N, C-alpha and C. Protein backbone atom coordinates (compact mmCIF):
# COMPACT_ATOMS: atom_id res chain seq x y z
N MET A 1 105.23 83.82 -27.21
CA MET A 1 104.42 85.03 -27.31
C MET A 1 104.62 85.63 -28.69
N PRO A 2 103.56 86.13 -29.26
CA PRO A 2 103.69 86.74 -30.58
C PRO A 2 104.63 87.93 -30.55
N SER A 3 105.32 88.15 -31.65
CA SER A 3 106.27 89.24 -31.70
C SER A 3 105.60 90.60 -31.74
N SER A 4 104.28 90.64 -31.94
CA SER A 4 103.57 91.92 -31.97
C SER A 4 103.47 92.57 -30.59
N CYS A 5 103.74 91.80 -29.54
CA CYS A 5 103.71 92.36 -28.19
C CYS A 5 105.02 93.08 -27.94
N SER A 6 104.96 94.41 -27.82
CA SER A 6 106.18 95.16 -27.58
C SER A 6 106.57 95.14 -26.11
N VAL A 7 105.62 94.85 -25.23
CA VAL A 7 105.89 94.76 -23.80
C VAL A 7 105.55 93.35 -23.36
N LYS A 8 106.45 92.75 -22.60
CA LYS A 8 106.20 91.39 -22.14
C LYS A 8 105.20 91.38 -21.00
N LEU A 9 104.37 90.36 -20.98
CA LEU A 9 103.39 90.21 -19.92
C LEU A 9 104.08 90.13 -18.56
N SER A 10 105.18 89.42 -18.48
CA SER A 10 105.89 89.29 -17.20
C SER A 10 106.40 90.63 -16.70
N THR A 11 106.82 91.51 -17.61
CA THR A 11 107.29 92.84 -17.22
C THR A 11 106.15 93.65 -16.61
N ILE A 12 104.99 93.58 -17.23
CA ILE A 12 103.84 94.31 -16.72
C ILE A 12 103.45 93.78 -15.34
N VAL A 13 103.34 92.47 -15.23
CA VAL A 13 102.88 91.87 -13.98
C VAL A 13 103.90 92.08 -12.86
N ASN A 14 105.17 91.92 -13.16
CA ASN A 14 106.19 91.99 -12.11
C ASN A 14 106.65 93.41 -11.79
N ASN A 15 106.52 94.34 -12.72
CA ASN A 15 107.10 95.67 -12.52
C ASN A 15 106.12 96.83 -12.58
N LYS A 16 105.05 96.70 -13.30
CA LYS A 16 104.17 97.85 -13.54
C LYS A 16 102.99 97.94 -12.57
N ILE A 17 102.40 96.81 -12.25
CA ILE A 17 101.22 96.83 -11.39
C ILE A 17 101.57 97.30 -9.98
N SER A 18 102.69 96.87 -9.47
CA SER A 18 103.05 97.19 -8.09
C SER A 18 103.36 98.67 -7.87
N VAL A 19 103.64 99.42 -8.93
CA VAL A 19 103.95 100.84 -8.76
C VAL A 19 102.77 101.76 -9.07
N VAL A 20 101.59 101.19 -9.25
CA VAL A 20 100.39 102.01 -9.40
C VAL A 20 100.23 102.80 -8.10
N PRO A 21 99.94 104.09 -8.18
CA PRO A 21 99.96 104.93 -6.98
C PRO A 21 98.93 104.59 -5.90
N ASN A 22 97.85 103.93 -6.26
CA ASN A 22 96.84 103.53 -5.29
C ASN A 22 96.90 102.02 -5.11
N LYS A 23 97.24 101.57 -3.91
CA LYS A 23 97.45 100.13 -3.68
C LYS A 23 96.17 99.31 -3.85
N GLU A 24 95.03 99.90 -3.55
CA GLU A 24 93.78 99.18 -3.77
C GLU A 24 93.57 98.91 -5.26
N ASN A 25 93.92 99.88 -6.09
CA ASN A 25 93.84 99.66 -7.54
C ASN A 25 94.82 98.60 -7.99
N SER A 26 95.99 98.53 -7.36
CA SER A 26 96.96 97.47 -7.68
C SER A 26 96.35 96.09 -7.44
N VAL A 27 95.67 95.95 -6.31
CA VAL A 27 95.04 94.67 -5.98
C VAL A 27 93.96 94.34 -7.01
N ILE A 28 93.17 95.32 -7.38
CA ILE A 28 92.11 95.11 -8.38
C ILE A 28 92.72 94.68 -9.72
N ILE A 29 93.82 95.31 -10.10
CA ILE A 29 94.47 94.97 -11.37
C ILE A 29 95.03 93.55 -11.32
N TYR A 30 95.66 93.17 -10.19
CA TYR A 30 96.13 91.79 -10.05
C TYR A 30 94.97 90.81 -10.15
N ASP A 31 93.84 91.14 -9.53
CA ASP A 31 92.66 90.27 -9.61
C ASP A 31 92.18 90.15 -11.06
N PHE A 32 92.18 91.26 -11.78
CA PHE A 32 91.79 91.26 -13.19
C PHE A 32 92.75 90.39 -14.01
N TYR A 33 94.04 90.51 -13.75
CA TYR A 33 95.05 89.69 -14.43
C TYR A 33 94.78 88.20 -14.16
N ASN A 34 94.53 87.85 -12.90
CA ASN A 34 94.25 86.45 -12.57
C ASN A 34 92.99 85.95 -13.26
N TYR A 35 91.98 86.81 -13.35
CA TYR A 35 90.75 86.46 -14.04
C TYR A 35 91.03 86.15 -15.51
N MET A 36 91.82 87.01 -16.16
CA MET A 36 92.13 86.78 -17.58
C MET A 36 92.92 85.49 -17.76
N GLN A 37 93.82 85.20 -16.81
CA GLN A 37 94.57 83.96 -16.86
C GLN A 37 93.64 82.75 -16.77
N GLU A 38 92.73 82.80 -15.80
CA GLU A 38 91.79 81.70 -15.59
C GLU A 38 90.90 81.47 -16.80
N LYS A 39 90.54 82.54 -17.50
CA LYS A 39 89.66 82.43 -18.67
C LYS A 39 90.42 82.06 -19.94
N GLY A 40 91.74 81.97 -19.85
CA GLY A 40 92.52 81.55 -21.01
C GLY A 40 92.73 82.63 -22.06
N SER A 41 92.68 83.89 -21.65
CA SER A 41 92.92 84.99 -22.60
C SER A 41 94.33 84.91 -23.15
N SER A 42 94.49 85.33 -24.40
CA SER A 42 95.81 85.31 -25.01
C SER A 42 96.72 86.33 -24.31
N GLU A 43 98.01 86.13 -24.43
CA GLU A 43 98.96 87.06 -23.82
C GLU A 43 98.82 88.46 -24.41
N THR A 44 98.57 88.54 -25.70
CA THR A 44 98.39 89.85 -26.34
C THR A 44 97.18 90.56 -25.75
N HIS A 45 96.10 89.84 -25.58
CA HIS A 45 94.89 90.42 -24.99
C HIS A 45 95.16 90.89 -23.57
N GLN A 46 95.86 90.08 -22.79
CA GLN A 46 96.18 90.44 -21.41
C GLN A 46 97.07 91.68 -21.37
N VAL A 47 98.09 91.72 -22.20
CA VAL A 47 99.01 92.86 -22.23
C VAL A 47 98.24 94.13 -22.59
N ASN A 48 97.42 94.07 -23.63
CA ASN A 48 96.67 95.26 -24.07
C ASN A 48 95.74 95.76 -22.97
N ASN A 49 95.01 94.86 -22.34
CA ASN A 49 94.08 95.25 -21.28
C ASN A 49 94.82 95.80 -20.06
N LEU A 50 95.89 95.15 -19.66
CA LEU A 50 96.62 95.60 -18.48
C LEU A 50 97.26 96.97 -18.71
N LYS A 51 97.79 97.19 -19.91
CA LYS A 51 98.39 98.50 -20.20
C LYS A 51 97.36 99.61 -20.05
N VAL A 52 96.16 99.40 -20.57
CA VAL A 52 95.11 100.42 -20.49
C VAL A 52 94.67 100.64 -19.04
N VAL A 53 94.45 99.57 -18.31
CA VAL A 53 93.98 99.69 -16.93
C VAL A 53 95.05 100.33 -16.05
N ILE A 54 96.31 99.98 -16.25
CA ILE A 54 97.39 100.58 -15.47
C ILE A 54 97.53 102.06 -15.80
N ASP A 55 97.45 102.42 -17.06
CA ASP A 55 97.52 103.83 -17.44
C ASP A 55 96.37 104.62 -16.80
N PHE A 56 95.18 104.04 -16.79
CA PHE A 56 94.04 104.71 -16.17
C PHE A 56 94.24 104.86 -14.67
N ALA A 57 94.74 103.81 -14.02
CA ALA A 57 95.01 103.88 -12.58
C ALA A 57 96.06 104.95 -12.27
N ASN A 58 97.08 105.05 -13.11
CA ASN A 58 98.09 106.08 -12.92
C ASN A 58 97.49 107.47 -13.10
N PHE A 59 96.58 107.61 -14.06
CA PHE A 59 95.89 108.88 -14.29
C PHE A 59 95.06 109.28 -13.07
N LEU A 60 94.40 108.30 -12.45
CA LEU A 60 93.57 108.58 -11.28
C LEU A 60 94.39 109.02 -10.07
N GLY A 61 95.62 108.53 -9.98
CA GLY A 61 96.51 108.93 -8.89
C GLY A 61 96.27 108.15 -7.61
N PRO A 62 96.85 108.64 -6.51
CA PRO A 62 96.83 107.89 -5.25
C PRO A 62 95.52 107.98 -4.47
N ASP A 63 94.67 108.96 -4.78
CA ASP A 63 93.50 109.21 -3.94
C ASP A 63 92.18 108.65 -4.47
N ILE A 64 92.18 108.13 -5.69
CA ILE A 64 90.93 107.64 -6.29
C ILE A 64 91.09 106.17 -6.65
N THR A 65 90.16 105.36 -6.17
CA THR A 65 90.16 103.95 -6.55
C THR A 65 89.14 103.74 -7.66
N PHE A 66 89.24 102.60 -8.31
CA PHE A 66 88.26 102.27 -9.34
C PHE A 66 86.85 102.25 -8.74
N TYR A 67 86.75 101.88 -7.48
CA TYR A 67 85.44 101.82 -6.82
C TYR A 67 84.83 103.21 -6.63
N ASN A 68 85.64 104.26 -6.61
CA ASN A 68 85.14 105.62 -6.43
C ASN A 68 84.53 106.21 -7.71
N ILE A 69 84.75 105.57 -8.83
CA ILE A 69 84.27 106.10 -10.10
C ILE A 69 82.81 105.74 -10.26
N SER A 70 81.98 106.78 -10.43
CA SER A 70 80.56 106.51 -10.54
C SER A 70 79.93 107.12 -11.80
N ARG A 71 80.70 107.94 -12.51
CA ARG A 71 80.13 108.53 -13.73
C ARG A 71 81.25 108.86 -14.70
N ARG A 72 80.86 109.04 -15.96
CA ARG A 72 81.83 109.44 -16.99
C ARG A 72 82.13 110.92 -16.85
N GLU A 73 83.37 111.27 -17.12
CA GLU A 73 83.74 112.69 -17.10
C GLU A 73 84.55 113.01 -18.31
């Protein structure tokens, strides 16, 4: 993995996704991770995308899933 990644992909996948407050969002994030793996995305790309999506899921909290979002705010 390139040294520019300050967070390891394994740390994100094994420790960060599972503690997202909404479990449905956790499943969606795991699905997104698997999709990126299947498409051959670089580890840096995966780390960057997962960090953003996890931060957004944490911002949404336990009561809002990605599916509930219907407009920009």
